[in-house]
Protein backbone atom coordinates (compact mmCIF):
# COMPACT_ATOMS: atom_id res chain seq x y z
CA MET A 1 -17.78 -4.81 -22.45
CA ILE A 2 -20.50 -6.21 -20.23
CA GLU A 3 -24.07 -6.37 -21.46
CA SER A 4 -25.59 -4.19 -18.72
CA ALA A 5 -24.15 -1.38 -16.63
CA THR A 6 -25.88 -2.71 -13.52
CA PRO A 7 -26.21 -6.51 -13.62
CA ASN A 8 -28.78 -7.85 -11.17
CA LEU A 9 -27.77 -9.92 -8.13
CA THR A 10 -31.23 -10.53 -6.67
CA GLY A 11 -31.22 -13.43 -4.24
CA LYS A 12 -27.52 -14.14 -4.61
CA ILE A 13 -25.56 -14.70 -1.39
CA VAL A 14 -22.36 -12.67 -1.48
CA THR A 15 -19.85 -13.18 1.33
CA VAL A 16 -17.45 -10.28 1.79
CA LEU A 17 -14.29 -11.25 3.66
CA GLY A 18 -12.85 -8.22 5.42
CA GLY A 19 -16.12 -6.44 4.78
CA SER A 20 -16.26 -4.38 7.96
CA GLY A 21 -13.76 -1.80 6.69
CA PHE A 22 -13.84 1.26 4.44
CA VAL A 23 -14.35 -0.52 1.10
CA GLY A 24 -16.64 -3.15 2.63
CA ARG A 25 -19.15 -0.57 3.86
CA HIS A 26 -19.50 0.94 0.40
CA LEU A 27 -19.52 -2.42 -1.36
CA ALA A 28 -22.32 -3.63 0.90
CA GLN A 29 -24.50 -0.71 -0.15
CA GLU A 30 -23.89 -1.48 -3.83
CA LEU A 31 -24.64 -5.18 -3.40
CA LEU A 32 -27.80 -4.49 -1.41
CA ALA A 33 -29.00 -2.05 -4.06
CA ARG A 34 -28.64 -4.86 -6.61
CA GLY A 35 -30.74 -7.21 -4.52
CA ALA A 36 -27.99 -9.42 -3.14
CA ARG A 37 -28.03 -11.03 0.29
CA VAL A 38 -24.81 -9.89 1.96
CA ARG A 39 -22.76 -11.75 4.53
CA ILE A 40 -20.06 -9.56 6.11
CA ALA A 41 -17.27 -11.75 7.53
CA SER A 42 -14.32 -10.39 9.49
CA ARG A 43 -12.37 -10.75 12.72
CA ASN A 44 -14.48 -7.94 14.19
CA PRO A 45 -17.97 -8.32 12.69
CA GLU A 46 -19.41 -5.91 15.27
CA LYS A 47 -17.85 -3.12 13.21
CA ALA A 48 -20.27 -4.03 10.44
CA TYR A 49 -23.45 -3.78 12.51
CA LYS A 50 -24.15 -0.32 11.07
CA ILE A 51 -24.59 -1.97 7.66
CA LYS A 52 -27.58 -4.04 8.79
CA PRO A 53 -30.15 -1.21 8.67
CA LEU A 54 -29.22 -0.57 5.01
CA GLY A 55 -30.84 -3.82 3.89
CA ASN A 56 -34.25 -5.39 4.22
CA LEU A 57 -35.04 -7.86 6.98
CA GLY A 58 -32.66 -10.81 6.67
CA GLN A 59 -30.71 -9.28 3.79
CA VAL A 60 -27.56 -8.64 5.84
CA ALA A 61 -25.76 -11.11 8.09
CA THR A 62 -22.42 -10.93 9.89
CA ALA A 63 -19.95 -13.66 10.78
CA ARG A 64 -16.67 -13.90 12.65
CA VAL A 65 -13.77 -15.42 10.72
CA ASP A 66 -9.97 -15.49 10.72
CA VAL A 67 -8.72 -15.81 7.15
CA THR A 68 -5.34 -17.03 8.38
CA ARG A 69 -7.09 -20.13 9.77
CA PRO A 70 -8.65 -22.00 6.84
CA GLU A 71 -10.57 -24.29 9.21
CA THR A 72 -12.78 -21.31 10.19
CA LEU A 73 -13.73 -20.53 6.58
CA ALA A 74 -15.85 -23.47 5.46
CA ARG A 75 -18.89 -22.62 7.59
CA VAL A 76 -18.75 -18.95 6.60
CA LEU A 77 -18.45 -19.61 2.87
CA ALA A 78 -21.05 -22.41 2.80
CA GLY A 79 -23.97 -21.56 0.55
CA SER A 80 -22.27 -18.50 -0.97
CA ASP A 81 -22.83 -17.73 -4.64
CA ALA A 82 -19.92 -15.29 -4.63
CA VAL A 83 -17.02 -14.36 -2.37
CA VAL A 84 -15.15 -11.06 -2.34
CA TYR A 85 -11.75 -10.94 -0.66
CA LEU A 86 -11.05 -7.44 0.71
CA VAL A 87 -8.53 -8.34 3.41
CA GLY A 88 -5.28 -6.37 3.20
CA ALA A 89 -2.69 -4.72 5.40
CA PHE A 90 0.60 -2.83 5.31
CA SER A 91 2.13 -4.67 8.27
CA GLY A 92 1.88 -7.98 10.07
CA ASN A 93 1.86 -11.42 8.47
CA LEU A 94 1.27 -10.16 4.93
CA ASP A 95 1.93 -13.53 3.35
CA ALA A 96 -0.97 -15.03 5.32
CA LEU A 97 -3.30 -12.05 4.84
CA GLN A 98 -2.79 -11.10 1.21
CA GLY A 99 -0.09 -13.41 -0.16
CA LYS A 100 -0.09 -17.17 -0.41
CA GLY A 101 -2.77 -17.35 2.27
CA VAL A 102 -5.34 -15.95 -0.17
CA GLY A 103 -4.85 -19.06 -2.25
CA GLN A 104 -6.02 -21.17 0.69
CA VAL A 105 -9.14 -19.05 0.98
CA ALA A 106 -9.82 -19.41 -2.75
CA ALA A 107 -9.37 -23.18 -2.47
CA VAL A 108 -11.95 -23.37 0.33
CA ALA A 109 -14.33 -21.25 -1.74
CA ARG A 110 -13.95 -23.56 -4.72
CA GLU A 111 -14.58 -26.63 -2.55
CA ALA A 112 -17.71 -24.91 -1.19
CA GLY A 113 -19.09 -24.59 -4.72
CA VAL A 114 -18.75 -20.80 -4.93
CA ALA A 115 -19.41 -19.65 -8.49
CA SER A 116 -17.58 -16.30 -8.39
CA PHE A 117 -14.46 -15.32 -6.45
CA VAL A 118 -13.30 -11.70 -6.67
CA HIS A 119 -9.92 -10.82 -5.18
CA ILE A 120 -8.99 -7.18 -4.53
CA SER A 121 -5.30 -6.66 -5.22
CA ALA A 122 -3.59 -3.32 -5.96
CA ILE A 123 -2.16 -1.37 -8.86
CA GLY A 124 1.61 -1.61 -8.64
CA CYS A 125 1.75 -5.12 -7.22
CA ASP A 126 5.08 -6.70 -8.14
CA ALA A 127 6.43 -10.12 -7.23
CA GLY A 128 9.97 -8.72 -7.43
CA SER A 129 9.37 -5.68 -5.24
CA PRO A 130 11.49 -5.20 -2.10
CA VAL A 131 8.34 -3.79 -0.43
CA ALA A 132 6.43 -6.61 1.25
CA TYR A 133 3.03 -5.05 0.51
CA ALA A 134 3.56 -4.94 -3.27
CA ARG A 135 5.28 -8.32 -3.34
CA THR A 136 2.63 -10.21 -1.40
CA LYS A 137 -0.19 -8.61 -3.39
CA ALA A 138 1.36 -10.09 -6.55
CA GLU A 139 1.93 -13.45 -4.88
CA GLY A 140 -1.67 -13.42 -3.74
CA GLU A 141 -2.90 -13.04 -7.31
CA ASP A 142 -0.88 -16.07 -8.43
CA ALA A 143 -2.12 -18.11 -5.47
CA VAL A 144 -5.75 -17.24 -6.21
CA PHE A 145 -5.56 -18.24 -9.87
CA ALA A 146 -3.76 -21.46 -8.97
CA ALA A 147 -6.58 -22.45 -6.62
CA PHE A 148 -9.52 -20.87 -8.47
CA PRO A 149 -8.68 -20.33 -12.18
CA GLU A 150 -12.07 -18.67 -12.88
CA ALA A 151 -11.48 -15.99 -10.23
CA THR A 152 -11.50 -12.29 -11.04
CA VAL A 153 -8.75 -9.97 -9.79
CA LEU A 154 -9.28 -6.22 -9.49
CA ARG A 155 -6.30 -3.92 -9.01
CA PRO A 156 -7.59 -0.59 -7.68
CA SER A 157 -5.61 2.61 -7.53
CA LEU A 158 -5.78 4.83 -4.45
CA LEU A 159 -9.39 4.89 -3.23
CA PHE A 160 -11.05 8.01 -1.82
CA GLY A 161 -14.35 8.73 -0.11
CA PRO A 162 -15.91 10.94 2.55
CA ASP A 163 -14.95 8.40 5.23
CA ASP A 164 -11.47 7.47 4.00
CA ASN A 165 -8.12 7.70 5.77
CA PHE A 166 -6.27 9.49 2.98
CA VAL A 167 -8.11 12.56 1.70
CA MET A 168 -9.50 13.22 5.14
CA MET A 169 -6.12 12.81 6.82
CA PHE A 170 -4.60 15.46 4.56
CA ALA A 171 -7.69 17.63 5.00
CA LYS A 172 -7.17 17.68 8.77
CA LEU A 173 -3.47 18.45 8.45
CA ILE A 174 -4.00 21.26 5.95
CA ALA A 175 -6.72 22.78 8.13
CA ALA A 176 -4.48 22.66 11.21
CA PHE A 177 -1.05 23.83 9.98
CA PRO A 178 0.05 26.86 7.95
CA ALA A 179 2.97 24.93 6.40
CA LEU A 180 3.24 21.26 5.49
CA PRO A 181 5.97 19.06 4.01
CA VAL A 182 4.98 17.08 0.92
CA PHE A 183 6.69 13.73 0.48
CA ALA A 184 7.26 12.56 -3.12
CA PRO A 185 5.61 15.73 -4.54
CA GLU A 186 5.82 14.52 -8.15
CA ALA A 187 4.47 11.04 -7.43
CA LYS A 188 1.51 10.30 -9.69
CA LEU A 189 -1.88 9.20 -8.41
CA GLN A 190 -5.04 8.19 -10.24
CA PRO A 191 -7.55 8.34 -7.37
CA LEU A 192 -10.73 6.29 -7.68
CA PHE A 193 -13.99 7.07 -5.89
CA VAL A 194 -14.77 4.17 -3.56
CA ASP A 195 -18.37 3.91 -4.79
CA ASP A 196 -17.08 3.44 -8.35
CA ALA A 197 -14.79 0.68 -7.07
CA ALA A 198 -17.79 -0.93 -5.36
CA GLU A 199 -19.76 -0.80 -8.60
CA ALA A 200 -16.85 -2.47 -10.42
CA ILE A 201 -16.68 -5.28 -7.83
CA ALA A 202 -20.41 -5.91 -8.04
CA SER A 203 -20.28 -5.97 -11.83
CA ALA A 204 -17.36 -8.41 -11.74
CA ILE A 205 -19.44 -10.76 -9.59
CA ALA A 206 -22.39 -10.64 -11.97
CA THR A 207 -20.44 -10.90 -15.22
CA ASP A 208 -19.31 -14.27 -16.52
CA SER A 209 -16.96 -12.66 -19.05
CA ALA A 210 -14.94 -11.17 -16.15
CA LYS A 211 -13.91 -14.58 -14.86
CA GLY A 212 -10.25 -15.51 -15.13
CA LYS A 213 -9.20 -11.92 -15.83
CA ILE A 214 -7.26 -9.12 -14.13
CA PHE A 215 -8.68 -5.59 -14.25
CA GLU A 216 -6.94 -2.33 -13.38
CA ILE A 217 -9.51 0.07 -11.97
CA ALA A 218 -8.48 3.71 -11.59
CA GLY A 219 -10.00 7.17 -11.63
CA PRO A 220 -10.44 9.41 -14.68
CA GLU A 221 -7.42 11.67 -14.10
CA VAL A 222 -3.79 11.51 -13.05
CA ILE A 223 -2.55 14.08 -10.54
CA THR A 224 0.65 14.57 -8.56
CA MET A 225 0.93 14.59 -4.78
CA ILE A 226 1.68 18.29 -4.72
CA GLU A 227 -1.39 19.01 -6.87
CA PHE A 228 -3.47 16.78 -4.61
CA ASN A 229 -2.45 18.87 -1.58
CA ARG A 230 -3.07 22.14 -3.44
CA ARG A 231 -6.58 21.08 -4.41
CA ILE A 232 -7.47 20.26 -0.83
CA ALA A 233 -6.12 23.61 0.38
CA GLU A 234 -8.06 25.48 -2.31
CA ALA A 235 -11.26 23.61 -1.47
CA GLN A 236 -10.78 24.69 2.15
CA CYS A 237 -10.24 28.31 1.03
CA ARG A 238 -6.82 28.33 2.70
CA HIS A 239 -3.38 29.54 1.69
CA ARG A 240 -0.82 26.95 2.76
CA ALA A 241 2.95 26.74 2.35
CA LEU A 242 3.48 23.31 0.81
CA ILE A 243 7.14 22.36 1.12
CA GLU A 244 8.23 19.93 -1.61
CA LEU A 245 10.74 17.55 -0.04
CA PRO A 246 13.52 16.12 -2.23
CA GLY A 247 13.70 12.35 -2.41
CA SER A 248 16.88 12.17 -0.38
CA VAL A 249 15.33 14.20 2.44
CA SER A 250 12.13 12.15 2.37
CA ARG A 251 14.05 8.88 2.55
CA ALA A 252 16.18 10.17 5.41
CA ILE A 253 13.09 11.18 7.40
CA ALA A 254 11.38 7.86 6.71
CA ALA A 255 14.46 5.88 7.75
CA ALA A 256 14.98 7.92 10.92
CA THR A 257 11.39 8.10 12.15
CA GLY A 258 9.42 5.42 10.31
CA TRP A 259 9.72 2.95 13.17
CA LEU A 260 8.10 5.35 15.64
CA PRO A 261 4.36 5.20 16.45
CA GLY A 262 2.59 7.96 14.56
CA ALA A 263 5.53 8.55 12.20
CA PRO A 264 4.67 10.75 9.19
CA ILE A 265 5.75 8.05 6.76
CA THR A 266 7.64 4.75 6.73
CA SER A 267 10.27 3.68 4.21
CA ASP A 268 7.86 1.18 2.65
CA GLN A 269 5.06 3.74 2.42
CA LEU A 270 7.43 6.22 0.78
CA ALA A 271 8.59 3.61 -1.73
CA LEU A 272 4.98 2.83 -2.65
CA LEU A 273 4.16 6.52 -2.94
CA GLU A 274 7.16 7.21 -5.17
CA ALA A 275 6.18 4.29 -7.41
CA GLY A 276 2.80 5.95 -7.94
CA SER A 277 -0.68 4.50 -8.31
CA VAL A 278 -1.55 4.77 -11.99
CA ALA A 279 -3.10 2.22 -14.35
CA SER A 280 -0.70 0.80 -16.93
CA GLY A 281 -3.35 0.74 -19.65
CA LYS A 282 -2.26 -2.78 -20.60
CA LEU A 283 -5.16 -4.55 -18.86
CA PRO A 284 -8.96 -4.29 -18.99
CA GLY A 285 -10.35 -1.46 -16.90
CA LEU A 286 -13.52 0.12 -15.57
CA ALA A 287 -15.05 0.59 -19.01
CA ASP A 288 -14.93 -3.17 -19.49
CA LEU A 289 -17.03 -3.51 -16.33
CA GLY A 290 -19.53 -0.88 -17.42
CA VAL A 291 -18.33 1.72 -14.89
CA ARG A 292 -17.78 5.40 -15.63
CA PRO A 293 -15.51 6.81 -12.88
CA ARG A 294 -16.08 10.17 -11.25
CA PRO A 295 -13.24 12.64 -10.52
CA LEU A 296 -12.14 13.80 -7.07
CA GLU A 297 -12.95 17.37 -8.09
CA LEU A 298 -16.64 16.48 -8.25
CA PHE A 299 -16.76 15.94 -4.49
CA LEU A 300 -13.90 17.93 -2.97
CA ASP A 301 -15.56 21.32 -2.50
CA ARG A 302 -18.52 19.75 -0.69
CA TRP A 303 -16.40 17.49 1.50
CA MET A 304 -14.07 20.32 2.53
CA VAL A 305 -16.83 22.61 3.82
CA PRO A 306 -16.40 21.45 7.47
CA PHE A 307 -12.66 22.25 7.24
CA ARG A 308 -13.14 25.86 6.12
CA LYS A 309 -12.55 28.59 8.68
CA HIS A 310 -16.20 29.60 8.67
CA GLY A 311 -17.66 26.36 7.39
CA ARG A 312 -20.43 26.80 4.83
CA PHE A 313 -20.37 30.55 5.44
CA ALA A 314 -16.77 30.85 4.22
CA ASP A 315 -16.00 33.26 1.40
CA THR A 316 -14.95 30.86 -1.36
CA SER A 317 -13.76 33.66 -3.61
CA THR A 318 -10.57 34.15 -1.58
CA ALA A 319 -8.34 31.67 0.21
CA ARG A 320 -6.94 32.34 3.66
């Protein structure tokens, strides 16, 4: 267990690779609150401009970088006290983005004298998986430790927040359609609030005892996909017919349509969903980083107000 729930990072320069995305925005707020100087580095740093007003003058900087080209990294990582690697994808050159390529980034960080390197992997990563996402995430962990043995790896479960692309995607679908198919209805999730994940990352940076370790970070409860959909519908005060699709039907749909733009689900996404996103309990977790996770239920009613038929004036005693 760490000594303090909120270790101080005052004056530390933290470079966040891939920091212009969903997790990066929330992590930046956490780091700034702890007094860090934050450098957001990504292929499209203009997406991070909205973060600048959150810090004091000179506390936030942006930089353009391509993590698949190690020669672009040295100038961005120079002077950093800590580096957080958030880059990830479900398609493209995954080996370069989140597989062996991460090891090259860690090597550059080590050569630059970086004291703390935090790599964001994923619960369920597996070097033997037929799914490229899970396989390369595992390979990325090995590559990081080979290049930077004192690195810290965090494996988050499914992350949620008011600006995510998961809870809000289902919220829009449930608000729009009276009936919805549910793929892998019994798949288990352990959703983690993105701000709790950000707190864990910041604590990992500031805590020497976290170095060289792998942490599984997940939310306080395990729910199934069908329950997840039901909770969203209830929070919207809506009755919805949720059609539980058998595995064979789900796999047939994914195989037939997964290659199309805007497909409901791909074969790889279905395989990951069926595997679930639940902590094994065999590795250190949030408690070891001084973080107490908050449940989805704490936020859902408030976040679903805009999706209710009459917004905040909806009668929450009955669902429609």
